[in-house]
Amino acid sequence: MSNKLDIKNEMAMFDRKNRDFYDSLDEQEKKKFAPFLMIRWGSAVGGSADLQSYYVMSCNENLNKHFFDVSASKHKKLQWLLATTVSPGMGNQYHQWITPKKKTTDNKAVKFFREQYPHLKEDDLKLLTDINDKDDLKRMARELGWDDKRIKSDL
């Protein structure tokens, strides 16, 4: 099998606006092709701030806006064609992966710790909730000057 689905090659085709790329894939490659990667990889480029802004805005406008309205299982070619509209046609760019944000936990204990320690990562906040029980939270809240009414409503 060729390296057509190597991300560097896909991004080169993306930047070159190669509208025939998807059609050049064999059946196995078409099954493995993941159009969603075009959003993650395609929107982030190196270079000037203007070029970076252009790619983000173009990706948002041309891909993000209605990307999931077009079913990937049935319309991968259409999603690829949409992806080819992003590039301004200025040659190959250095693309990088944007890590998706982790989902945040919204229980009251995590909210309490997030408010007290806004610099901590979600994993660290989760750990704090695991090692402190309800009584520990109430004690901490009292030490912070919370009254019983707020403790009852927020914890």
Protein backbone atom coordinates (compact mmCIF):
# COMPACT_ATOMS: atom_id res chain seq x y z
CA MET A 1 0.00 0.00 0.00
CA SER A 2 1.23 3.50 -0.74
CA ASN A 3 1.67 6.33 1.75
CA LYS A 4 -1.33 8.24 0.43
CA LEU A 5 -2.94 8.26 3.88
CA ASP A 6 0.17 9.52 5.63
CA ILE A 7 -0.97 12.77 7.28
CA LYS A 8 1.89 14.73 5.68
CA ASN A 9 0.73 13.62 2.25
CA GLU A 10 -2.91 14.34 3.05
CA MET A 11 -2.02 17.85 4.21
CA ALA A 12 0.05 18.40 1.05
CA MET A 13 -3.01 17.43 -1.02
CA PHE A 14 -5.14 19.67 1.22
CA ASP A 15 -2.82 22.67 0.66
CA ARG A 16 -2.56 22.02 -3.08
CA LYS A 17 -6.35 21.84 -3.36
CA ASN A 18 -6.06 18.43 -5.03
CA ARG A 19 -9.71 17.72 -5.71
CA ASP A 20 -8.83 14.35 -7.29
CA PHE A 21 -7.06 13.00 -4.20
CA TYR A 22 -10.04 11.11 -2.78
CA ASP A 23 -10.78 9.52 -6.16
CA SER A 24 -7.16 8.34 -6.34
CA LEU A 25 -7.58 6.21 -3.22
CA ASP A 26 -8.32 2.49 -3.58
CA GLU A 27 -11.32 0.98 -1.77
CA GLN A 28 -9.33 0.04 1.36
CA GLU A 29 -7.83 3.54 1.58
CA LYS A 30 -11.26 5.12 1.15
CA LYS A 31 -12.52 3.08 4.11
CA LYS A 32 -9.58 4.25 6.25
CA PHE A 33 -9.74 7.89 5.15
CA ALA A 34 -10.89 10.08 8.08
CA PRO A 35 -12.27 13.46 6.92
CA PHE A 36 -12.48 14.72 10.52
CA LEU A 37 -8.67 14.86 10.58
CA MET A 38 -8.85 17.64 7.99
CA ILE A 39 -10.39 19.94 10.61
CA ARG A 40 -7.91 19.06 13.34
CA TRP A 41 -4.80 19.14 11.18
CA GLY A 42 -5.93 21.61 8.53
CA SER A 43 -6.83 24.51 10.78
CA ALA A 44 -3.43 24.86 12.47
CA VAL A 45 -0.44 26.04 10.46
CA GLY A 46 2.92 27.59 11.19
CA GLY A 47 3.89 30.90 9.65
CA SER A 48 2.69 34.43 10.09
CA ALA A 49 -0.17 35.35 12.39
CA ASP A 50 -2.17 36.43 9.32
CA LEU A 51 -1.73 33.03 7.67
CA GLN A 52 -2.62 31.21 10.88
CA SER A 53 -5.74 33.35 11.28
CA TYR A 54 -6.72 32.73 7.68
CA TYR A 55 -6.54 28.95 8.08
CA VAL A 56 -8.54 28.97 11.31
CA MET A 57 -11.25 31.22 9.87
CA SER A 58 -11.35 29.36 6.56
CA CYS A 59 -11.57 25.99 8.32
CA ASN A 60 -14.34 27.26 10.57
CA GLU A 61 -16.30 28.72 7.68
CA ASN A 62 -15.79 25.95 5.12
CA LEU A 63 -15.55 22.83 7.29
CA ASN A 64 -16.65 23.24 10.90
CA LYS A 65 -19.90 25.03 10.22
CA HIS A 66 -21.75 22.13 8.55
CA PHE A 67 -19.18 19.34 8.58
CA PHE A 68 -21.26 16.92 10.62
CA ASP A 69 -24.41 17.64 8.61
CA VAL A 70 -22.68 15.75 5.81
CA SER A 71 -22.53 12.10 6.86
CA ALA A 72 -18.92 10.87 6.73
CA SER A 73 -20.01 7.31 6.07
CA LYS A 74 -21.86 8.32 2.90
CA HIS A 75 -20.13 11.49 1.74
CA LYS A 76 -16.40 11.29 2.40
CA LYS A 77 -15.69 12.64 -1.06
CA LEU A 78 -17.86 15.70 -0.45
CA GLN A 79 -16.13 16.28 2.87
CA TRP A 80 -12.77 16.06 1.09
CA LEU A 81 -13.93 18.53 -1.55
CA LEU A 82 -15.00 20.92 1.20
CA ALA A 83 -11.57 20.52 2.79
CA THR A 84 -9.89 21.58 -0.45
CA THR A 85 -11.59 24.97 -0.21
CA VAL A 86 -9.70 25.91 2.97
CA SER A 87 -6.20 26.53 1.62
CA PRO A 88 -5.40 29.90 0.04
CA GLY A 89 -3.26 28.03 -2.51
CA MET A 90 0.10 29.28 -1.24
CA GLY A 91 1.92 25.93 -1.35
CA ASN A 92 2.52 23.39 1.36
CA GLN A 93 2.26 24.61 4.94
CA TYR A 94 3.45 23.12 8.21
CA HIS A 95 0.33 21.71 9.87
CA GLN A 96 0.13 20.61 13.48
CA TRP A 97 -2.33 18.59 15.54
CA ILE A 98 -4.74 20.42 17.82
CA THR A 99 -5.56 18.29 20.83
CA PRO A 100 -9.28 18.30 21.60
CA LYS A 101 -10.24 19.75 24.96
CA LYS A 102 -10.99 17.21 27.62
CA LYS A 103 -14.54 17.15 28.82
CA THR A 104 -14.89 18.82 32.17
CA THR A 105 -16.61 17.24 35.11
CA ASP A 106 -19.45 19.34 36.40
CA ASN A 107 -20.16 17.90 39.82
CA LYS A 108 -20.30 20.32 42.75
CA ALA A 109 -17.04 19.15 44.32
CA VAL A 110 -15.09 19.72 41.09
CA LYS A 111 -16.71 23.14 40.69
CA PHE A 112 -15.70 24.00 44.25
CA PHE A 113 -12.08 23.00 43.69
CA ARG A 114 -11.97 24.68 40.26
CA GLU A 115 -13.08 27.94 41.90
CA GLN A 116 -10.41 27.63 44.61
CA TYR A 117 -7.62 26.40 42.33
CA PRO A 118 -8.26 27.73 38.81
CA HIS A 119 -4.69 26.91 37.74
CA LEU A 120 -5.14 23.13 38.22
CA LYS A 121 -5.80 20.70 35.38
CA GLU A 122 -9.02 18.68 35.26
CA ASP A 123 -7.18 15.50 36.27
CA ASP A 124 -5.83 17.24 39.37
CA LEU A 125 -9.27 18.59 40.26
CA LYS A 126 -10.71 15.10 39.89
CA LEU A 127 -8.00 13.73 42.18
CA LEU A 128 -8.89 16.32 44.84
CA THR A 129 -12.52 15.21 44.72
CA ASP A 130 -11.45 11.58 45.05
CA ILE A 131 -9.33 12.15 48.16
CA ASN A 132 -11.71 14.53 49.96
CA ASP A 133 -15.12 13.51 51.21
CA LYS A 134 -18.20 15.70 51.72
CA ASP A 135 -17.17 16.58 55.30
CA ASP A 136 -13.75 17.75 54.08
CA LEU A 137 -15.43 20.00 51.52
CA LYS A 138 -17.75 21.49 54.13
CA ARG A 139 -14.81 22.14 56.49
CA MET A 140 -12.85 23.86 53.72
CA ALA A 141 -15.86 25.96 52.75
CA ARG A 142 -16.35 27.10 56.35
CA GLU A 143 -12.65 28.03 56.53
CA LEU A 144 -13.24 30.16 53.43
CA GLY A 145 -16.06 31.96 55.23
CA TRP A 146 -19.00 30.26 53.53
CA ASP A 147 -22.25 30.23 55.51
CA ASP A 148 -24.42 27.11 55.92
CA LYS A 149 -26.88 28.24 53.25
CA ARG A 150 -24.16 28.56 50.59
CA ILE A 151 -22.57 25.28 51.65
CA LYS A 152 -25.90 23.51 51.29
CA SER A 153 -26.61 25.00 47.85
CA ASP A 154 -23.11 24.86 46.34
CA LEU A 155 -21.78 21.63 47.81
